[in-house]
N, C-alpha and C. Protein backbone atom coordinates (compact mmCIF):
# COMPACT_ATOMS: atom_id res chain seq x y z
N MET A 1 120.90 99.73 8.35
CA MET A 1 122.35 99.55 8.73
C MET A 1 122.80 98.21 8.24
N LYS A 2 122.08 97.22 8.29
CA LYS A 2 122.66 95.86 7.90
C LYS A 2 122.76 95.84 6.38
N ILE A 3 121.88 96.41 5.61
CA ILE A 3 122.00 96.54 4.18
C ILE A 3 123.30 97.18 3.70
N ALA A 4 123.52 98.39 4.40
CA ALA A 4 124.75 99.13 4.08
C ALA A 4 125.95 98.39 4.49
N ALA A 5 125.95 97.69 5.60
CA ALA A 5 127.10 96.82 6.00
C ALA A 5 127.33 95.74 5.03
N LEU A 6 126.30 95.05 4.66
CA LEU A 6 126.44 93.96 3.66
C LEU A 6 126.94 94.45 2.29
N MET A 7 126.41 95.73 1.86
CA MET A 7 127.05 96.30 0.65
C MET A 7 128.39 96.64 0.80
N GLY A 8 128.77 97.19 1.95
CA GLY A 8 130.22 97.59 2.15
C GLY A 8 131.13 96.45 2.26
N ALA A 9 130.60 95.32 2.79
CA ALA A 9 131.44 94.08 2.86
C ALA A 9 131.74 93.58 1.45
N VAL A 10 130.72 93.54 0.63
CA VAL A 10 130.80 93.06 -0.74
C VAL A 10 131.79 93.98 -1.53
N ALA A 11 131.67 95.20 -1.41
CA ALA A 11 132.55 96.15 -2.11
C ALA A 11 133.86 96.06 -1.53
N GLY A 12 134.08 95.92 -0.27
CA GLY A 12 135.33 95.87 0.25
C GLY A 12 136.07 94.58 -0.07
N ALA A 13 135.28 93.40 -0.15
CA ALA A 13 135.90 92.12 -0.59
C ALA A 13 136.38 92.24 -2.12
N ALA A 14 135.41 92.99 -2.87
CA ALA A 14 135.83 93.16 -4.32
C ALA A 14 137.12 93.92 -4.45
N ARG A 15 137.19 95.03 -3.58
CA ARG A 15 138.40 95.88 -3.56
C ARG A 15 139.61 95.08 -3.19
N GLY A 16 139.43 94.33 -2.18
CA GLY A 16 140.56 93.44 -1.66
C GLY A 16 141.00 92.40 -2.65
N SER A 17 139.97 91.82 -3.38
CA SER A 17 140.37 90.91 -4.37
C SER A 17 141.03 91.42 -5.68
N SER A 18 140.67 92.74 -5.93
CA SER A 18 141.30 93.42 -6.94
C SER A 18 142.67 93.73 -6.74
N THR A 19 143.05 93.80 -5.50
CA THR A 19 144.44 93.97 -5.12
C THR A 19 145.18 92.70 -4.83
N THR A 20 144.72 91.64 -5.42
CA THR A 20 145.24 90.33 -5.16
C THR A 20 146.62 90.31 -5.72
N LEU A 21 146.89 90.92 -6.80
CA LEU A 21 148.21 90.88 -7.34
C LEU A 21 149.29 91.41 -6.38
N ILE A 22 148.97 92.56 -5.75
CA ILE A 22 149.95 93.19 -4.83
C ILE A 22 150.09 92.19 -3.59
N SER A 23 148.85 91.75 -3.07
CA SER A 23 148.92 90.87 -1.95
C SER A 23 149.68 89.59 -2.21
N SER A 24 149.47 88.96 -3.42
CA SER A 24 150.17 87.79 -3.69
C SER A 24 151.64 88.04 -3.86
N GLN A 25 152.10 89.16 -4.43
CA GLN A 25 153.48 89.45 -4.59
C GLN A 25 154.17 89.72 -3.28
N LEU A 26 153.45 90.30 -2.32
CA LEU A 26 153.94 90.48 -0.92
C LEU A 26 154.03 89.14 -0.26
N GLY A 27 153.05 88.25 -0.40
CA GLY A 27 153.07 86.96 0.19
C GLY A 27 154.10 86.07 -0.44
N ALA A 28 154.42 86.20 -1.78
CA ALA A 28 155.46 85.45 -2.35
C ALA A 28 156.91 85.90 -1.80
N THR A 29 156.97 87.19 -1.68
CA THR A 29 158.24 87.66 -1.12
C THR A 29 158.57 87.16 0.18
N VAL A 30 157.55 87.19 1.14
CA VAL A 30 157.65 86.60 2.39
C VAL A 30 157.86 85.13 2.37
N GLY A 31 157.16 84.43 1.57
CA GLY A 31 157.26 82.99 1.40
C GLY A 31 158.66 82.54 0.91
N ALA A 32 159.25 83.36 0.06
CA ALA A 32 160.57 83.05 -0.49
C ALA A 32 161.72 82.94 0.63
N LEU A 33 161.42 83.60 1.70
CA LEU A 33 162.36 83.52 2.83
C LEU A 33 162.36 82.11 3.41
N ILE A 34 161.25 81.29 3.31
CA ILE A 34 161.16 80.04 3.99
C ILE A 34 161.64 78.88 3.03
N SER A 35 161.00 78.87 1.81
CA SER A 35 161.41 77.76 0.84
C SER A 35 160.78 78.02 -0.45
N PRO A 36 161.07 77.28 -1.51
CA PRO A 36 160.37 77.48 -2.76
C PRO A 36 158.89 77.09 -2.72
N LEU A 37 158.55 76.17 -1.86
CA LEU A 37 157.15 75.94 -1.56
C LEU A 37 156.47 77.11 -1.01
N GLY A 38 157.28 77.83 -0.16
CA GLY A 38 156.68 78.98 0.58
C GLY A 38 156.14 80.10 -0.41
N ILE A 39 156.78 80.18 -1.51
CA ILE A 39 156.45 81.15 -2.58
C ILE A 39 154.85 81.01 -2.94
N ASN A 40 154.56 79.72 -3.27
CA ASN A 40 153.21 79.46 -3.71
C ASN A 40 152.24 79.65 -2.56
N LEU A 41 152.60 79.08 -1.43
CA LEU A 41 151.79 79.27 -0.20
C LEU A 41 151.60 80.71 0.17
N GLY A 42 152.64 81.40 0.06
CA GLY A 42 152.65 82.90 0.26
C GLY A 42 151.69 83.68 -0.61
N ARG A 43 151.76 83.31 -1.95
CA ARG A 43 150.89 83.91 -2.89
C ARG A 43 149.43 83.71 -2.62
N VAL A 44 149.06 82.41 -2.25
CA VAL A 44 147.64 82.12 -2.04
C VAL A 44 147.15 82.71 -0.73
N SER A 45 147.97 82.75 0.25
CA SER A 45 147.70 83.21 1.60
C SER A 45 147.54 84.77 1.51
N GLY A 46 148.43 85.36 0.67
CA GLY A 46 148.39 86.88 0.55
C GLY A 46 147.15 87.25 -0.23
N ALA A 47 146.71 86.52 -1.29
CA ALA A 47 145.53 86.92 -2.06
C ALA A 47 144.20 86.71 -1.10
N ILE A 48 144.33 85.69 -0.17
CA ILE A 48 143.10 85.37 0.64
C ILE A 48 143.06 86.46 1.73
N LEU A 49 144.12 86.69 2.30
CA LEU A 49 144.11 87.79 3.45
C LEU A 49 143.71 89.10 2.72
N GLY A 50 144.13 89.43 1.51
CA GLY A 50 143.84 90.68 0.93
C GLY A 50 142.31 90.83 0.76
N GLY A 51 141.69 89.80 0.42
CA GLY A 51 140.09 89.72 0.23
C GLY A 51 139.50 89.88 1.59
N LEU A 52 140.07 89.13 2.56
CA LEU A 52 139.36 89.33 3.93
C LEU A 52 139.54 90.67 4.48
N ILE A 53 140.76 91.14 4.34
CA ILE A 53 141.01 92.47 5.02
C ILE A 53 140.08 93.53 4.25
N GLY A 54 139.99 93.48 3.04
CA GLY A 54 139.02 94.41 2.30
C GLY A 54 137.66 94.14 2.68
N GLY A 55 137.18 92.91 2.97
CA GLY A 55 135.78 92.74 3.32
C GLY A 55 135.55 93.32 4.70
N VAL A 56 136.32 93.05 5.62
CA VAL A 56 136.10 93.63 6.96
C VAL A 56 136.12 95.14 6.98
N GLY A 57 137.12 95.68 6.23
CA GLY A 57 137.10 97.17 6.19
C GLY A 57 135.98 97.80 5.57
N GLY A 58 135.51 97.14 4.47
CA GLY A 58 134.33 97.55 3.82
C GLY A 58 133.01 97.41 4.64
N CYS A 59 132.89 96.25 5.39
CA CYS A 59 131.75 96.02 6.29
C CYS A 59 131.64 97.09 7.34
N ALA A 60 132.80 97.46 7.97
CA ALA A 60 132.90 98.53 9.03
C ALA A 60 132.55 99.83 8.49
N LEU A 61 133.03 100.19 7.27
CA LEU A 61 132.71 101.50 6.73
C LEU A 61 131.13 101.50 6.31
N GLY A 62 130.62 100.34 5.75
CA GLY A 62 129.24 100.24 5.35
C GLY A 62 128.33 100.32 6.64
N ALA A 63 128.71 99.79 7.75
CA ALA A 63 127.87 99.79 8.92
C ALA A 63 127.89 101.24 9.50
N GLN A 64 128.93 102.08 9.44
CA GLN A 64 128.89 103.40 9.76
C GLN A 64 128.06 104.18 8.90
N LEU A 65 128.15 103.94 7.69
CA LEU A 65 127.34 104.77 6.66
C LEU A 65 125.74 104.36 6.97
N GLY A 66 125.48 103.10 7.22
CA GLY A 66 124.07 102.75 7.41
C GLY A 66 123.61 103.30 8.80
N GLU A 67 124.44 103.39 9.79
CA GLU A 67 123.95 104.03 10.94
C GLU A 67 123.76 105.51 10.85
N THR A 68 124.54 106.12 10.10
CA THR A 68 124.37 107.62 9.70
C THR A 68 123.17 107.73 9.02
N LEU A 69 122.82 107.01 7.91
CA LEU A 69 121.60 107.09 7.24
C LEU A 69 120.41 106.83 8.09
N ASP A 70 120.46 105.81 8.96
CA ASP A 70 119.35 105.47 9.78
C ASP A 70 118.99 106.66 10.75
N ARG A 71 120.06 107.30 11.31
CA ARG A 71 119.82 108.30 12.23
C ARG A 71 119.45 109.66 11.74
N HIS A 72 120.10 110.00 10.69
CA HIS A 72 119.93 111.36 10.19
C HIS A 72 119.19 111.60 8.98
N VAL A 73 119.06 110.55 8.05
CA VAL A 73 118.39 110.64 6.85
C VAL A 73 116.92 110.16 6.84
N LEU A 74 116.76 108.92 7.25
CA LEU A 74 115.55 108.24 7.43
C LEU A 74 114.78 108.64 8.65
N ALA A 75 113.46 108.95 8.52
CA ALA A 75 112.65 109.35 9.59
C ALA A 75 112.28 108.19 10.44
N ASN A 76 113.15 107.64 11.28
CA ASN A 76 112.79 106.40 12.05
C ASN A 76 112.73 106.66 13.56
N ASN A 77 112.87 107.93 14.03
CA ASN A 77 112.76 108.35 15.46
C ASN A 77 111.27 108.72 15.69
N LEU A 78 110.85 108.18 16.80
CA LEU A 78 109.48 108.39 17.17
C LEU A 78 109.33 109.09 18.48
N CYS A 79 108.51 110.17 18.50
CA CYS A 79 108.21 110.76 19.75
C CYS A 79 107.19 109.93 20.51
N LEU A 80 107.52 109.53 21.80
CA LEU A 80 106.63 108.71 22.56
C LEU A 80 105.40 109.41 22.93
N VAL A 81 105.50 110.83 23.01
CA VAL A 81 104.38 111.55 23.49
C VAL A 81 103.28 111.76 22.40
N CYS A 82 103.69 112.32 21.25
CA CYS A 82 102.79 112.76 20.24
C CYS A 82 102.75 111.86 19.09
N GLY A 83 103.71 110.94 18.88
CA GLY A 83 103.81 109.99 17.74
C GLY A 83 104.42 110.57 16.57
N HIS A 84 105.01 111.69 16.63
CA HIS A 84 105.67 112.37 15.40
C HIS A 84 106.92 111.66 15.18
N ARG A 85 107.21 111.42 13.77
CA ARG A 85 108.53 110.78 13.41
C ARG A 85 109.32 111.90 12.89
N PHE A 86 110.59 111.79 13.24
CA PHE A 86 111.63 112.84 13.02
C PHE A 86 112.95 112.25 12.82
N ASN A 87 113.92 113.15 12.33
CA ASN A 87 115.37 112.75 12.14
C ASN A 87 116.21 113.52 13.32
N LEU A 88 117.27 112.88 13.60
CA LEU A 88 118.18 113.53 14.61
C LEU A 88 118.87 114.67 13.81
N PRO A 89 119.14 115.78 14.56
CA PRO A 89 119.96 116.84 13.88
C PRO A 89 121.37 116.41 13.64
N THR A 90 122.00 116.87 12.64
CA THR A 90 123.41 116.51 12.30
C THR A 90 124.40 117.18 13.03
């Protein structure tokens, strides 16, 4: 689960960073309402927030995928009576 969450976070951050252009344009639009300096600050903060939001979303999806893999694909459940390893039914 931890590995899938880490992979999801990296993929999500990459996806968020790839949408930097859209995020920075949105930030510049909002920053333009404040001042000319706000345009630059808006671009930078929009790009940073785009990467962070992508990373958080990817981490959450990766953790869900990892939990599903742990419970239903990998035989990590152990019967305490006979010692048999099994998967949970889907």
